């Protein structure tokens, strides 16, 4: 629990059963010189009634429903930098949730001490700012002129500089427009590859392209060895009398094979 020190300005915010803690805290405060205890009922607490950064310590003894982020934001403004906040664990208050609320409200070094949660206001004021230096200052006019000269261009020397023709940077292949069909990709895979449950038609399109790229299948007899020659051909084989050929080779039949023998 809170232990006052000499010279402390303490704000005690209470409601309901939280008033029971006021008497023991008040007794401790009277035992130490120059301690000022300021009790405030939550319903009457207004930020305008107190100057910002006034109190060294603050105690919040309220119910679960009344322990809000708005209340923590108010106490953060009333506390001095590095001031301490004490939250007695009244029935229903979850220590882990209280620590999380303190952290999100801007308090640091939150911890549990027996039946009390303690947090600290940062060692700087809310809204404080500091100027950042991103490099050494140039104190002399000479340094400033040197820095400016780095980016300056002398107009007399421009014509002497070798220039690059932008048209020479691109060749005909770079200027050629790509085939729109080759640019189509699957929204799921991000590639020209259909996904498992393709419904946009890309799978059918790829299947048709694949079928067109495959060579036409050669007619086959029941034995499947017509390409080896007459020794492997049956009597009704359309390739009978023709020389052997390689599998997949396109073979053209003579006109007499298409005429009836009768």
Protein backbone atom coordinates (compact mmCIF):
# COMPACT_ATOMS: atom_id res chain seq x y z
CA UNK A 1 0.00 0.00 0.00
CA UNK A 2 1.00 3.65 -0.34
CA UNK A 3 3.67 4.93 2.08
CA UNK A 4 3.76 8.75 2.03
CA UNK A 5 7.04 10.64 2.18
CA UNK A 6 7.72 14.14 3.43
CA UNK A 7 6.46 16.86 1.12
CA UNK A 8 4.09 14.61 -0.87
CA UNK A 9 1.00 16.01 -2.53
CA UNK A 10 -1.44 13.07 -2.66
CA UNK A 11 -4.72 12.84 -4.57
CA UNK A 12 -7.19 10.22 -3.32
CA UNK A 13 -10.04 9.41 -5.77
CA UNK A 14 -12.78 7.23 -4.27
CA UNK A 15 -16.34 6.04 -4.77
CA UNK A 16 -18.59 3.61 -2.88
CA UNK A 17 -16.67 1.23 -0.62
CA UNK A 18 -13.38 2.86 -1.61
CA UNK A 19 -13.95 5.42 1.13
CA UNK A 20 -12.92 2.74 3.67
CA UNK A 21 -9.31 3.16 2.56
CA UNK A 22 -9.32 6.88 3.23
CA UNK A 23 -8.97 6.62 7.01
CA UNK A 24 -5.81 4.42 7.10
CA UNK A 25 -4.14 6.50 4.40
CA UNK A 26 -5.05 9.70 6.20
CA UNK A 27 -3.58 8.31 9.44
CA UNK A 28 -0.27 7.54 7.70
CA UNK A 29 -0.19 10.98 6.07
CA UNK A 30 -0.58 12.69 9.47
CA UNK A 31 2.43 10.82 10.83
CA UNK A 32 4.74 12.37 8.21
CA UNK A 33 5.38 16.12 8.07
CA UNK A 34 4.43 18.30 5.12
CA UNK A 35 2.14 15.73 3.51
CA UNK A 36 -1.02 17.10 1.87
CA UNK A 37 -3.84 14.61 1.23
CA UNK A 38 -6.61 15.70 -1.15
CA UNK A 39 -9.69 13.38 -1.13
CA UNK A 40 -11.93 13.66 -4.23
CA UNK A 41 -15.17 11.82 -4.91
CA UNK A 42 -15.17 10.42 -8.44
CA UNK A 43 -18.52 12.02 -9.26
CA UNK A 44 -17.18 15.47 -8.40
CA UNK A 45 -13.72 15.07 -9.92
CA UNK A 46 -13.05 17.61 -12.64
CA UNK A 47 -9.75 18.30 -14.34
CA UNK A 48 -10.48 22.01 -14.31
CA UNK A 49 -10.46 22.04 -10.48
CA UNK A 50 -6.77 21.13 -10.37
CA UNK A 51 -3.70 22.47 -12.11
CA UNK A 52 -1.86 19.97 -14.28
CA UNK A 53 1.19 18.19 -12.85
CA UNK A 54 0.16 18.95 -9.25
CA UNK A 55 0.38 15.67 -7.33
CA UNK A 56 3.30 13.40 -6.45
CA UNK A 57 1.06 10.38 -5.85
CA UNK A 58 -2.47 9.39 -6.75
CA UNK A 59 -4.74 6.63 -5.40
CA UNK A 60 -7.77 5.33 -7.32
CA UNK A 61 -10.23 3.34 -5.18
CA UNK A 62 -13.30 2.81 -7.39
CA UNK A 63 -15.44 -0.06 -8.69
CA UNK A 64 -14.70 -2.09 -11.81
CA UNK A 65 -17.26 -0.20 -13.90
CA UNK A 66 -15.80 3.17 -12.86
CA UNK A 67 -12.17 2.23 -13.56
CA UNK A 68 -12.03 3.62 -17.11
CA UNK A 69 -9.38 4.76 -19.57
CA UNK A 70 -10.76 8.31 -19.29
CA UNK A 71 -10.07 8.29 -15.54
CA UNK A 72 -6.50 7.10 -16.12
CA UNK A 73 -5.96 9.83 -18.72
CA UNK A 74 -7.13 12.42 -16.18
CA UNK A 75 -4.81 11.20 -13.43
CA UNK A 76 -1.89 11.11 -15.87
CA UNK A 77 -2.33 14.84 -16.45
CA UNK A 78 -2.68 15.62 -12.71
CA UNK A 79 0.46 13.72 -11.68
CA UNK A 80 3.91 15.28 -11.81
CA UNK A 81 6.52 13.66 -14.07
CA UNK A 82 7.72 10.42 -12.42
CA UNK A 83 4.64 10.55 -10.12
CA UNK A 84 3.18 7.24 -8.90
CA UNK A 85 -0.34 5.86 -9.31
CA UNK A 86 -1.75 3.30 -6.84
CA UNK A 87 -4.78 1.13 -7.63
CA UNK A 88 -6.02 -1.01 -4.70
CA UNK A 89 -7.47 -4.27 -6.01
CA UNK A 90 -11.11 -3.85 -5.04
CA UNK A 91 -13.43 -6.83 -5.69
CA UNK A 92 -13.71 -7.58 -9.41
CA UNK A 93 -10.55 -5.80 -10.58
CA UNK A 94 -8.33 -8.14 -12.63
CA UNK A 95 -4.62 -7.36 -12.01
CA UNK A 96 -3.59 -8.32 -15.56
CA UNK A 97 -6.29 -6.13 -17.09
CA UNK A 98 -5.41 -3.19 -14.82
CA UNK A 99 -1.72 -3.44 -15.82
CA UNK A 100 -2.73 -3.50 -19.48
CA UNK A 101 -4.93 -0.42 -19.06
CA UNK A 102 -2.13 1.45 -17.31
CA UNK A 103 0.29 0.68 -20.13
CA UNK A 104 -2.15 1.71 -22.85
CA UNK A 105 -2.92 4.96 -20.99
CA UNK A 106 0.74 6.00 -20.90
CA UNK A 107 1.95 4.72 -17.54
CA UNK A 108 5.26 2.86 -17.26
CA UNK A 109 6.89 0.36 -14.89
CA UNK A 110 3.55 -1.21 -13.95
CA UNK A 111 3.77 -3.89 -11.26
CA UNK A 112 1.72 -5.65 -8.58
CA UNK A 113 2.63 -5.09 -4.93
CA UNK A 114 0.58 -7.28 -2.59
CA UNK A 115 -3.02 -6.10 -3.07
CA UNK A 116 -2.13 -2.96 -5.08
CA UNK A 117 -1.19 -2.21 -8.69
CA UNK A 118 1.44 0.51 -9.06
CA UNK A 119 2.32 2.49 -12.17
CA UNK A 120 4.47 5.54 -12.88
CA UNK A 121 4.04 8.58 -15.06
CA UNK A 122 7.01 9.00 -17.44
CA UNK A 123 9.75 11.42 -16.39
CA UNK A 124 8.57 13.95 -18.95
CA UNK A 125 5.41 16.00 -19.21
CA UNK A 126 2.49 14.94 -21.40
CA UNK A 127 2.85 16.70 -24.76
CA UNK A 128 6.52 17.53 -24.24
CA UNK A 129 8.68 17.81 -27.36
CA UNK A 130 12.37 17.94 -28.12
CA UNK A 131 14.18 19.11 -31.21
CA UNK A 132 16.14 16.39 -32.98
CA UNK A 133 19.51 17.08 -34.59
CA UNK A 134 20.21 15.08 -37.74
CA UNK A 135 23.74 16.30 -38.33
CA UNK A 136 26.38 18.76 -37.29
CA UNK A 137 25.53 22.43 -37.79
CA UNK A 138 27.40 24.34 -40.44
CA UNK A 139 28.75 27.28 -38.55
CA UNK A 140 30.71 28.95 -41.33
CA UNK A 141 29.58 30.45 -44.62
CA UNK A 142 32.37 28.50 -46.35
CA UNK A 143 30.85 25.16 -45.33
CA UNK A 144 27.44 26.27 -46.56
CA UNK A 145 28.87 27.30 -49.92
CA UNK A 146 30.67 23.97 -50.28
CA UNK A 147 27.46 22.10 -49.59
CA UNK A 148 25.54 24.19 -52.11
CA UNK A 149 28.25 23.72 -54.73
CA UNK A 150 27.77 19.97 -54.68
CA UNK A 151 24.34 20.34 -56.31
CA UNK A 152 25.10 23.32 -58.55
CA UNK A 153 25.53 23.03 -62.33
CA UNK A 154 27.66 25.46 -64.28
CA UNK A 155 25.79 26.46 -67.41
CA UNK A 156 29.03 27.01 -69.38
CA UNK A 157 30.07 23.38 -68.92
CA UNK A 158 26.77 21.78 -69.89
CA UNK A 159 27.53 21.65 -73.63
CA UNK A 160 30.87 19.95 -72.97
CA UNK A 161 29.31 17.10 -71.05
CA UNK A 162 28.67 13.85 -72.93
CA UNK A 163 24.95 13.24 -73.12
CA UNK A 164 23.12 9.95 -73.43
CA UNK A 165 20.46 9.58 -76.08
CA UNK A 166 17.43 8.12 -74.27
CA UNK A 167 16.31 6.39 -77.49
CA UNK A 168 19.48 4.29 -77.44
CA UNK A 169 18.61 2.81 -74.09
CA UNK A 170 15.73 0.78 -75.57
CA UNK A 171 15.85 -1.74 -78.40
CA UNK A 172 13.03 -3.19 -80.53
CA UNK A 173 12.30 -5.97 -78.06
CA UNK A 174 11.77 -3.44 -75.27
CA UNK A 175 9.36 -1.46 -77.43
CA UNK A 176 7.33 -4.50 -78.52
CA UNK A 177 3.96 -4.79 -76.82
CA UNK A 178 3.39 -8.09 -75.01
CA UNK A 179 0.62 -10.47 -76.00
CA UNK A 180 -2.41 -9.64 -73.81
CA UNK A 181 -3.12 -13.35 -73.36
CA UNK A 182 0.32 -13.89 -71.82
CA UNK A 183 -0.36 -11.20 -69.22
CA UNK A 184 -3.36 -12.93 -67.74
CA UNK A 185 -2.54 -14.49 -64.38
CA UNK A 186 -4.52 -16.17 -61.65
CA UNK A 187 -5.54 -13.81 -58.83
CA UNK A 188 -4.85 -16.59 -56.31
CA UNK A 189 -1.49 -17.95 -57.47
CA UNK A 190 -0.20 -14.65 -58.91
CA UNK A 191 1.18 -16.60 -61.87
CA UNK A 192 -0.03 -17.92 -65.20
CA UNK A 193 -1.10 -21.08 -63.44
CA UNK A 194 -4.67 -21.99 -62.60
CA UNK A 195 -5.52 -22.59 -58.95
CA UNK A 196 -7.11 -25.82 -57.71
CA UNK A 197 -10.70 -24.59 -57.92
CA UNK A 198 -10.33 -22.35 -60.96
CA UNK A 199 -13.59 -20.73 -62.00
CA UNK A 200 -12.33 -17.80 -64.11
CA UNK A 201 -11.68 -19.92 -67.22
CA UNK A 202 -7.89 -19.82 -67.04
CA UNK A 203 -7.70 -23.59 -66.50
CA UNK A 204 -9.69 -24.26 -69.70
CA UNK A 205 -7.58 -21.75 -71.60
CA UNK A 206 -4.33 -23.39 -70.51
CA UNK A 207 -5.70 -26.85 -71.33
CA UNK A 208 -6.62 -25.72 -74.86
CA UNK A 209 -3.15 -24.23 -75.40
CA UNK A 210 -1.55 -27.44 -74.20
CA UNK A 211 -3.66 -29.55 -76.57
CA UNK A 212 -2.68 -27.38 -79.53
CA UNK A 213 1.01 -27.66 -78.75
CA UNK A 214 0.98 -31.48 -78.70
CA UNK A 215 1.69 -33.33 -82.01
CA UNK A 216 -1.22 -35.15 -83.62
CA UNK A 217 -1.42 -38.79 -82.68
CA UNK A 218 -0.60 -41.24 -85.48
CA UNK A 219 -3.17 -43.94 -86.36
CA UNK A 220 -2.36 -47.21 -84.68
CA UNK A 221 -3.44 -50.74 -85.42
CA UNK A 222 -4.34 -53.26 -82.78
CA UNK A 223 -0.70 -54.35 -82.59
CA UNK A 224 0.56 -50.72 -82.41
CA UNK A 225 3.76 -51.46 -84.37
CA UNK A 226 2.82 -50.14 -87.84
CA UNK A 227 5.78 -47.70 -87.86
CA UNK A 228 8.28 -50.62 -87.82
CA UNK A 229 7.50 -51.77 -91.38
CA UNK A 230 5.47 -54.38 -93.33
CA UNK A 231 6.78 -57.22 -91.20
CA UNK A 232 4.82 -55.83 -88.30
CA UNK A 233 1.69 -54.74 -90.22
CA UNK A 234 -1.54 -56.63 -90.64
CA UNK A 235 -3.21 -57.26 -94.00
CA UNK A 236 -5.59 -54.31 -93.65
CA UNK A 237 -3.00 -51.80 -92.38
CA UNK A 238 -3.19 -48.47 -94.27
CA UNK A 239 0.63 -48.26 -94.10
CA UNK A 240 1.13 -51.61 -95.87
CA UNK A 241 3.80 -51.25 -98.58
CA UNK A 242 5.26 -48.07 -97.10
CA UNK A 243 8.72 -47.83 -95.55
CA UNK A 244 9.13 -47.71 -91.80
CA UNK A 245 8.90 -44.33 -90.09
CA UNK A 246 9.60 -42.85 -86.66
CA UNK A 247 6.87 -42.64 -84.01
CA UNK A 248 5.15 -39.23 -84.24
CA UNK A 249 6.38 -38.62 -87.79
CA UNK A 250 3.70 -37.26 -90.12
CA UNK A 251 3.00 -39.82 -92.86
CA UNK A 252 1.05 -38.99 -96.00
CA UNK A 253 -0.93 -41.74 -97.71
CA UNK A 254 -0.85 -42.12 -101.47
CA UNK A 255 -4.05 -41.47 -103.47
CA UNK A 256 -4.38 -45.13 -104.46
CA UNK A 257 -4.95 -46.08 -100.83
CA UNK A 258 -8.15 -44.05 -100.89
CA UNK A 259 -9.63 -45.89 -103.94
CA UNK A 260 -11.62 -49.10 -103.86
CA UNK A 261 -10.02 -52.22 -105.30
CA UNK A 262 -13.27 -53.13 -107.01
